[in-house]
Structure formats: C-alpha cells, structure tokens
Amino acid sequence: MKEVGSYEAKTHLIELLDDVANGETIVVTKQGKPVAKIVPYQAANMSVDDINQQFERLQKSIPAAGPSIRDMIEEGRRF
C-alpha cells in the first residue's frame, strides 16, 4: 500500500490513478494523518455464491464468545 501526501496526490493524480488501475491501493494523508484511500474499482454486481463466500469468511473471522444460541436453548435458558 502506497502512502502519499495531499499535495503530491493533487499534482500527480493521473500517475496515481494509473497505479490504482494496476491494482495498487493508495492512502492519501493530510499533515501525516490518513484521510482517504484510493482503491481499484470493483463492480457492485456480485453473485449469490460470492456473497455467501464473503459471509462465511466473516463468520469465521469473528470468534465465538460464550455458548452458542443452540447450546442455550438446549440448556433451557430464556435470555
């Protein structure tokens, strides 16, 4: 990931867009603090399979804290 200041981004925008078109992500900073991210464009039309895969990855990335809902039901908890 490339990081550039706002002045450099303004003066070299065409070159930065070429880099992004080639798959690079660029973070634009202002006074050393990140303010924007320029990422390659992705079409919003996703297949159901793509959405399911992303959902499954999200589920796997969130650690389970405590008993599952199924465990609580079987144990007889109401809340």
PDB file of N, CA and C in Angstrom:
ATOM      1  N   MET A   1       0.846  -1.164   0.000  1.00  0.00           N
ATOM      2  CA  MET A   1       0.000   0.000   0.000  1.00  0.00           C
ATOM      3  C   MET A   1       0.896   1.233   0.000  1.00  0.00           C
ATOM      4  N   LYS A   2       0.602   2.113  -0.908  1.00  0.00           N
ATOM      5  CA  LYS A   2       1.396   3.322  -1.077  1.00  0.00           C
ATOM      6  C   LYS A   2       0.733   4.465  -0.303  1.00  0.00           C
ATOM      7  N   GLU A   3       1.536   5.328   0.288  1.00  0.00           N
ATOM      8  CA  GLU A   3       1.036   6.478   1.036  1.00  0.00           C
ATOM      9  C   GLU A   3       1.580   7.756   0.418  1.00  0.00           C
ATOM     10  N   VAL A   4       0.689   8.719   0.131  1.00  0.00           N
ATOM     11  CA  VAL A   4       1.123   9.990  -0.455  1.00  0.00           C
ATOM     12  C   VAL A   4       0.426  11.138   0.261  1.00  0.00           C
ATOM     13  N   GLY A   5       1.105  12.268   0.299  1.00  0.00           N
ATOM     14  CA  GLY A   5       0.523  13.472   0.881  1.00  0.00           C
ATOM     15  C   GLY A   5      -0.498  14.077  -0.059  1.00  0.00           C
ATOM     16  N   SER A   6      -1.362  14.937   0.471  1.00  0.00           N
ATOM     17  CA  SER A   6      -2.429  15.529  -0.335  1.00  0.00           C
ATOM     18  C   SER A   6      -1.880  16.387  -1.473  1.00  0.00           C
ATOM     19  N   TYR A   7      -0.793  17.114  -1.235  1.00  0.00           N
ATOM     20  CA  TYR A   7      -0.215  17.932  -2.300  1.00  0.00           C
ATOM     21  C   TYR A   7       0.306  17.059  -3.433  1.00  0.00           C
ATOM     22  N   GLU A   8       1.010  15.984  -3.071  1.00  0.00           N
ATOM     23  CA  GLU A   8       1.523  15.071  -4.088  1.00  0.00           C
ATOM     24  C   GLU A   8       0.371  14.401  -4.839  1.00  0.00           C
ATOM     25  N   ALA A   9      -0.688  14.049  -4.123  1.00  0.00           N
ATOM     26  CA  ALA A   9      -1.845  13.429  -4.773  1.00  0.00           C
ATOM     27  C   ALA A   9      -2.467  14.383  -5.783  1.00  0.00           C
ATOM     28  N   LYS A  10      -2.527  15.663  -5.420  1.00  0.00           N
ATOM     29  CA  LYS A  10      -3.121  16.651  -6.318  1.00  0.00           C
ATOM     30  C   LYS A  10      -2.260  16.832  -7.568  1.00  0.00           C
ATOM     31  N   THR A  11      -0.962  16.895  -7.385  1.00  0.00           N
ATOM     32  CA  THR A  11      -0.092  17.185  -8.529  1.00  0.00           C
ATOM     33  C   THR A  11       0.203  15.960  -9.390  1.00  0.00           C
ATOM     34  N   HIS A  12       0.025  14.756  -8.842  1.00  0.00           N
ATOM     35  CA  HIS A  12       0.345  13.534  -9.595  1.00  0.00           C
ATOM     36  C   HIS A  12      -0.858  12.597  -9.697  1.00  0.00           C
ATOM     37  N   LEU A  13      -2.048  13.167  -9.764  1.00  0.00           N
ATOM     38  CA  LEU A  13      -3.255  12.348  -9.749  1.00  0.00           C
ATOM     39  C   LEU A  13      -3.303  11.342 -10.898  1.00  0.00           C
ATOM     40  N   ILE A  14      -2.948  11.742 -12.086  1.00  0.00           N
ATOM     41  CA  ILE A  14      -3.006  10.836 -13.240  1.00  0.00           C
ATOM     42  C   ILE A  14      -2.113   9.618 -13.021  1.00  0.00           C
ATOM     43  N   GLU A  15      -0.893   9.840 -12.533  1.00  0.00           N
ATOM     44  CA  GLU A  15       0.013   8.719 -12.275  1.00  0.00           C
ATOM     45  C   GLU A  15      -0.530   7.811 -11.160  1.00  0.00           C
ATOM     46  N   LEU A  16      -1.113   8.410 -10.127  1.00  0.00           N
ATOM     47  CA  LEU A  16      -1.680   7.624  -9.036  1.00  0.00           C
ATOM     48  C   LEU A  16      -2.860   6.780  -9.529  1.00  0.00           C
ATOM     49  N   LEU A  17      -3.684   7.356 -10.393  1.00  0.00           N
ATOM     50  CA  LEU A  17      -4.804   6.602 -10.946  1.00  0.00           C
ATOM     51  C   LEU A  17      -4.317   5.438 -11.807  1.00  0.00           C
ATOM     52  N   ASP A  18      -3.214   5.626 -12.508  1.00  0.00           N
ATOM     53  CA  ASP A  18      -2.627   4.520 -13.276  1.00  0.00           C
ATOM     54  C   ASP A  18      -2.197   3.395 -12.330  1.00  0.00           C
ATOM     55  N   ASP A  19      -1.580   3.770 -11.210  1.00  0.00           N
ATOM     56  CA  ASP A  19      -1.160   2.766 -10.226  1.00  0.00           C
ATOM     57  C   ASP A  19      -2.377   2.004  -9.678  1.00  0.00           C
ATOM     58  N   VAL A  20      -3.445   2.742  -9.385  1.00  0.00           N
ATOM     59  CA  VAL A  20      -4.657   2.118  -8.859  1.00  0.00           C
ATOM     60  C   VAL A  20      -5.270   1.193  -9.906  1.00  0.00           C
ATOM     61  N   ALA A  21      -5.264   1.613 -11.153  1.00  0.00           N
ATOM     62  CA  ALA A  21      -5.794   0.778 -12.234  1.00  0.00           C
ATOM     63  C   ALA A  21      -5.006  -0.522 -12.351  1.00  0.00           C
ATOM     64  N   ASN A  22      -3.749  -0.519 -11.931  1.00  0.00           N
ATOM     65  CA  ASN A  22      -2.912  -1.718 -11.956  1.00  0.00           C
ATOM     66  C   ASN A  22      -3.023  -2.527 -10.662  1.00  0.00           C
ATOM     67  N   GLY A  23      -3.985  -2.172  -9.796  1.00  0.00           N
ATOM     68  CA  GLY A  23      -4.253  -2.971  -8.610  1.00  0.00           C
ATOM     69  C   GLY A  23      -3.693  -2.442  -7.308  1.00  0.00           C
ATOM     70  N   GLU A  24      -3.003  -1.322  -7.323  1.00  0.00           N
ATOM     71  CA  GLU A  24      -2.407  -0.791  -6.093  1.00  0.00           C
ATOM     72  C   GLU A  24      -3.418   0.035  -5.304  1.00  0.00           C
ATOM     73  N   THR A  25      -3.314   0.002  -3.982  1.00  0.00           N
ATOM     74  CA  THR A  25      -4.130   0.829  -3.104  1.00  0.00           C
ATOM     75  C   THR A  25      -3.278   1.980  -2.602  1.00  0.00           C
ATOM     76  N   ILE A  26      -3.852   3.175  -2.601  1.00  0.00           N
ATOM     77  CA  ILE A  26      -3.106   4.370  -2.198  1.00  0.00           C
ATOM     78  C   ILE A  26      -3.845   5.066  -1.064  1.00  0.00           C
ATOM     79  N   VAL A  27      -3.103   5.400  -0.017  1.00  0.00           N
ATOM     80  CA  VAL A  27      -3.655   6.153   1.105  1.00  0.00           C
ATOM     81  C   VAL A  27      -3.173   7.592   0.966  1.00  0.00           C
ATOM     82  N   VAL A  28      -4.119   8.534   1.000  1.00  0.00           N
ATOM     83  CA  VAL A  28      -3.790   9.952   0.914  1.00  0.00           C
ATOM     84  C   VAL A  28      -3.787  10.519   2.330  1.00  0.00           C
ATOM     85  N   THR A  29      -2.720  11.229   2.665  1.00  0.00           N
ATOM     86  CA  THR A  29      -2.598  11.800   4.001  1.00  0.00           C
ATOM     87  C   THR A  29      -2.649  13.318   3.948  1.00  0.00           C
ATOM     88  N   LYS A  30      -3.050  13.897   5.055  1.00  0.00           N
ATOM     89  CA  LYS A  30      -3.041  15.353   5.211  1.00  0.00           C
ATOM     90  C   LYS A  30      -2.372  15.623   6.546  1.00  0.00           C
ATOM     91  N   GLN A  31      -1.254  16.291   6.499  1.00  0.00           N
ATOM     92  CA  GLN A  31      -0.438  16.558   7.680  1.00  0.00           C
ATOM     93  C   GLN A  31      -0.075  15.252   8.398  1.00  0.00           C
ATOM     94  N   GLY A  32       0.235  14.234   7.603  1.00  0.00           N
ATOM     95  CA  GLY A  32       0.689  12.963   8.136  1.00  0.00           C
ATOM     96  C   GLY A  32      -0.400  12.017   8.615  1.00  0.00           C
ATOM     97  N   LYS A  33      -1.668  12.440   8.562  1.00  0.00           N
ATOM     98  CA  LYS A  33      -2.776  11.598   9.020  1.00  0.00           C
ATOM     99  C   LYS A  33      -3.570  11.101   7.813  1.00  0.00           C
ATOM    100  N   PRO A  34      -3.879   9.819   7.774  1.00  0.00           N
ATOM    101  CA  PRO A  34      -4.650   9.284   6.652  1.00  0.00           C
ATOM    102  C   PRO A  34      -6.039   9.923   6.580  1.00  0.00           C
ATOM    103  N   VAL A  35      -6.429  10.354   5.381  1.00  0.00           N
ATOM    104  CA  VAL A  35      -7.752  10.959   5.199  1.00  0.00           C
ATOM    105  C   VAL A  35      -8.571  10.275   4.108  1.00  0.00           C
ATOM    106  N   ALA A  36      -7.925   9.543   3.214  1.00  0.00           N
ATOM    107  CA  ALA A  36      -8.650   8.894   2.129  1.00  0.00           C
ATOM    108  C   ALA A  36      -7.871   7.690   1.639  1.00  0.00           C
ATOM    109  N   LYS A  37      -8.611   6.773   1.024  1.00  0.00           N
ATOM    110  CA  LYS A  37      -7.988   5.603   0.432  1.00  0.00           C
ATOM    111  C   LYS A  37      -8.514   5.476  -0.992  1.00  0.00           C
ATOM    112  N   ILE A  38      -7.608   5.340  -1.940  1.00  0.00           N
ATOM    113  CA  ILE A  38      -7.989   5.140  -3.332  1.00  0.00           C
ATOM    114  C   ILE A  38      -7.742   3.668  -3.646  1.00  0.00           C
ATOM    115  N   VAL A  39      -8.810   2.969  -3.999  1.00  0.00           N
ATOM    116  CA  VAL A  39      -8.727   1.530  -4.247  1.00  0.00           C
ATOM    117  C   VAL A  39      -9.223   1.223  -5.656  1.00  0.00           C
ATOM    118  N   PRO A  40      -8.806   0.095  -6.224  1.00  0.00           N
ATOM    119  CA  PRO A  40      -9.306  -0.277  -7.544  1.00  0.00           C
ATOM    120  C   PRO A  40     -10.815  -0.473  -7.518  1.00  0.00           C
ATOM    121  N   TYR A  41     -11.460  -0.100  -8.590  1.00  0.00           N
ATOM    122  CA  TYR A  41     -12.912  -0.215  -8.712  1.00  0.00           C
ATOM    123  C   TYR A  41     -13.314  -1.673  -8.829  1.00  0.00           C
ATOM    124  N   GLN A  42     -14.388  -2.033  -8.118  1.00  0.00           N
ATOM    125  CA  GLN A  42     -14.965  -3.369  -8.239  1.00  0.00           C
ATOM    126  C   GLN A  42     -16.444  -3.207  -8.531  1.00  0.00           C
ATOM    127  N   ALA A  43     -16.932  -3.942  -9.494  1.00  0.00           N
ATOM    128  CA  ALA A  43     -18.349  -3.877  -9.834  1.00  0.00           C
ATOM    129  C   ALA A  43     -19.189  -4.317  -8.638  1.00  0.00           C
ATOM    130  N   ALA A  44     -20.307  -3.665  -8.439  1.00  0.00           N
ATOM    131  CA  ALA A  44     -21.170  -3.962  -7.305  1.00  0.00           C
ATOM    132  C   ALA A  44     -22.010  -5.214  -7.533  1.00  0.00           C
ATOM    133  N   ASN A  45     -22.112  -5.671  -8.757  1.00  0.00           N
ATOM    134  CA  ASN A  45     -22.915  -6.858  -9.050  1.00  0.00           C
ATOM    135  C   ASN A  45     -22.148  -8.104  -8.637  1.00  0.00           C
ATOM    136  N   MET A  46     -22.586  -8.701  -7.546  1.00  0.00           N
ATOM    137  CA  MET A  46     -21.941  -9.905  -7.044  1.00  0.00           C
ATOM    138  C   MET A  46     -22.932 -11.053  -7.152  1.00  0.00           C
ATOM    139  N   SER A  47     -22.414 -12.224  -7.407  1.00  0.00           N
ATOM    140  CA  SER A  47     -23.287 -13.387  -7.460  1.00  0.00           C
ATOM    141  C   SER A  47     -23.649 -13.810  -6.044  1.00  0.00           C
ATOM    142  N   VAL A  48     -24.683 -14.609  -5.935  1.00  0.00           N
ATOM    143  CA  VAL A  48     -25.105 -15.117  -4.632  1.00  0.00           C
ATOM    144  C   VAL A  48     -23.983 -15.947  -4.013  1.00  0.00           C
ATOM    145  N   ASP A  49     -23.271 -16.706  -4.831  1.00  0.00           N
ATOM    146  CA  ASP A  49     -22.158 -17.508  -4.319  1.00  0.00           C
ATOM    147  C   ASP A  49     -21.058 -16.627  -3.737  1.00  0.00           C
ATOM    148  N   ASP A  50     -20.755 -15.503  -4.410  1.00  0.00           N
ATOM    149  CA  ASP A  50     -19.742 -14.578  -3.893  1.00  0.00           C
ATOM    150  C   ASP A  50     -20.164 -14.006  -2.543  1.00  0.00           C
ATOM    151  N   ILE A  51     -21.426 -13.630  -2.432  1.00  0.00           N
ATOM    152  CA  ILE A  51     -21.933 -13.074  -1.177  1.00  0.00           C
ATOM    153  C   ILE A  51     -21.873 -14.128  -0.073  1.00  0.00           C
ATOM    154  N   ASN A  52     -22.258 -15.363  -0.388  1.00  0.00           N
ATOM    155  CA  ASN A  52     -22.188 -16.438   0.602  1.00  0.00           C
ATOM    156  C   ASN A  52     -20.758 -16.688   1.062  1.00  0.00           C
ATOM    157  N   GLN A  53     -19.809 -16.662   0.130  1.00  0.00           N
ATOM    158  CA  GLN A  53     -18.403 -16.870   0.491  1.00  0.00           C
ATOM    159  C   GLN A  53     -17.908 -15.764   1.404  1.00  0.00           C
ATOM    160  N   GLN A  54     -18.268 -14.517   1.107  1.00  0.00           N
ATOM    161  CA  GLN A  54     -17.845 -13.413   1.967  1.00  0.00           C
ATOM    162  C   GLN A  54     -18.485 -13.523   3.353  1.00  0.00           C
ATOM    163  N   PHE A  55     -19.744 -13.929   3.402  1.00  0.00           N
ATOM    164  CA  PHE A  55     -20.424 -14.099   4.681  1.00  0.00           C
ATOM    165  C   PHE A  55     -19.772 -15.203   5.508  1.00  0.00           C
ATOM    166  N   GLU A  56     -19.415 -16.306   4.864  1.00  0.00           N
ATOM    167  CA  GLU A  56     -18.751 -17.399   5.571  1.00  0.00           C
ATOM    168  C   GLU A  56     -17.387 -16.968   6.101  1.00  0.00           C
ATOM    169  N   ARG A  57     -16.628 -16.191   5.307  1.00  0.00           N
ATOM    170  CA  ARG A  57     -15.335 -15.681   5.777  1.00  0.00           C
ATOM    171  C   ARG A  57     -15.522 -14.762   6.978  1.00  0.00           C
ATOM    172  N   LEU A  58     -16.564 -13.940   6.939  1.00  0.00           N
ATOM    173  CA  LEU A  58     -16.842 -13.039   8.057  1.00  0.00           C
ATOM    174  C   LEU A  58     -17.186 -13.835   9.307  1.00  0.00           C
ATOM    175  N   GLN A  59     -18.022 -14.868   9.164  1.00  0.00           N
ATOM    176  CA  GLN A  59     -18.381 -15.691  10.307  1.00  0.00           C
ATOM    177  C   GLN A  59     -17.162 -16.351  10.924  1.00  0.00           C
ATOM    178  N   LYS A  60     -16.248 -16.830  10.096  1.00  0.00           N
ATOM    179  CA  LYS A  60     -15.049 -17.493  10.596  1.00  0.00           C
ATOM    180  C   LYS A  60     -14.102 -16.511  11.279  1.00  0.00           C
ATOM    181  N   SER A  61     -14.145 -15.238  10.873  1.00  0.00           N
ATOM    182  CA  SER A  61     -13.215 -14.259  11.442  1.00  0.00           C
ATOM    183  C   SER A  61     -13.674 -13.725  12.794  1.00  0.00           C
ATOM    184  N   ILE A  62     -14.946 -13.940  13.143  1.00  0.00           N
ATOM    185  CA  ILE A  62     -15.463 -13.456  14.420  1.00  0.00           C
ATOM    186  C   ILE A  62     -15.410 -14.603  15.424  1.00  0.00           C
ATOM    187  N   PRO A  63     -14.606 -14.455  16.481  1.00  0.00           N
ATOM    188  CA  PRO A  63     -14.507 -15.544  17.459  1.00  0.00           C
ATOM    189  C   PRO A  63     -15.807 -15.691  18.249  1.00  0.00           C
ATOM    190  N   ALA A  64     -16.167 -16.916  18.522  1.00  0.00           N
ATOM    191  CA  ALA A  64     -17.377 -17.182  19.312  1.00  0.00           C
ATOM    192  C   ALA A  64     -17.075 -16.867  20.775  1.00  0.00           C
ATOM    193  N   ALA A  65     -17.932 -16.071  21.389  1.00  0.00           N
ATOM    194  CA  ALA A  65     -17.757 -15.709  22.801  1.00  0.00           C
ATOM    195  C   ALA A  65     -18.893 -16.329  23.590  1.00  0.00           C
ATOM    196  N   GLY A  66     -18.591 -17.300  24.397  1.00  0.00           N
ATOM    197  CA  GLY A  66     -19.610 -17.935  25.216  1.00  0.00           C
ATOM    198  C   GLY A  66     -20.346 -19.022  24.454  1.00  0.00           C
ATOM    199  N   PRO A  67     -21.420 -19.513  25.064  1.00  0.00           N
ATOM    200  CA  PRO A  67     -22.162 -20.612  24.448  1.00  0.00           C
ATOM    201  C   PRO A  67     -22.934 -20.150  23.215  1.00  0.00           C
ATOM    202  N   SER A  68     -23.207 -21.087  22.326  1.00  0.00           N
ATOM    203  CA  SER A  68     -23.973 -20.755  21.128  1.00  0.00           C
ATOM    204  C   SER A  68     -25.452 -20.648  21.495  1.00  0.00           C
ATOM    205  N   ILE A  69     -26.235 -20.103  20.602  1.00  0.00           N
ATOM    206  CA  ILE A  69     -27.670 -19.993  20.841  1.00  0.00           C
ATOM    207  C   ILE A  69     -28.273 -21.384  21.003  1.00  0.00           C
ATOM    208  N   ARG A  70     -27.832 -22.324  20.179  1.00  0.00           N
ATOM    209  CA  ARG A  70     -28.324 -23.697  20.264  1.00  0.00           C
ATOM    210  C   ARG A  70     -28.034 -24.281  21.644  1.00  0.00           C
ATOM    211  N   ASP A  71     -26.834 -24.064  22.161  1.00  0.00           N
ATOM    212  CA  ASP A  71     -26.476 -24.569  23.494  1.00  0.00           C
ATOM    213  C   ASP A  71     -27.385 -23.980  24.569  1.00  0.00           C
ATOM    214  N   MET A  72     -27.660 -22.676  24.470  1.00  0.00           N
ATOM    215  CA  MET A  72     -28.517 -22.035  25.457  1.00  0.00           C
ATOM    216  C   MET A  72     -29.944 -22.554  25.389  1.00  0.00           C
ATOM    217  N   ILE A  73     -30.448 -22.808  24.182  1.00  0.00           N
ATOM    218  CA  ILE A  73     -31.806 -23.345  24.034  1.00  0.00           C
ATOM    219  C   ILE A  73     -31.886 -24.724  24.667  1.00  0.00           C
ATOM    220  N   GLU A  74     -30.883 -25.554  24.348  1.00  0.00           N
ATOM    221  CA  GLU A  74     -30.888 -26.906  24.893  1.00  0.00           C
ATOM    222  C   GLU A  74     -30.728 -26.929  26.404  1.00  0.00           C
ATOM    223  N   GLU A  75     -30.080 -25.912  26.951  1.00  0.00           N
ATOM    224  CA  GLU A  75     -29.889 -25.806  28.390  1.00  0.00           C
ATOM    225  C   GLU A  75     -31.123 -25.272  29.081  1.00  0.00           C
ATOM    226  N   GLY A  76     -32.035 -24.689  28.326  1.00  0.00           N
ATOM    227  CA  GLY A  76     -33.278 -24.187  28.897  1.00  0.00           C
ATOM    228  C   GLY A  76     -33.235 -22.704  29.249  1.00  0.00           C
ATOM    229  N   ARG A  77     -32.239 -21.974  28.811  1.00  0.00           N
ATOM    230  CA  ARG A  77     -32.179 -20.532  29.098  1.00  0.00           C
ATOM    231  C   ARG A  77     -33.216 -19.800  28.264  1.00  0.00           C
ATOM    232  N   ARG A  78     -33.733 -18.734  28.845  1.00  0.00           N
ATOM    233  CA  ARG A  78     -34.697 -17.928  28.118  1.00  0.00           C
ATOM    234  C   ARG A  78     -34.045 -16.632  27.641  1.00  0.00           C
ATOM    235  N   PHE A  79     -33.045 -16.107  28.344  1.00  0.00           N
ATOM    236  CA  PHE A  79     -32.399 -14.855  27.968  1.00  0.00           C
ATOM    237  C   PHE A  79     -30.905 -14.987  28.033  1.00  0.00           C
TER     238      PHE A  79
END
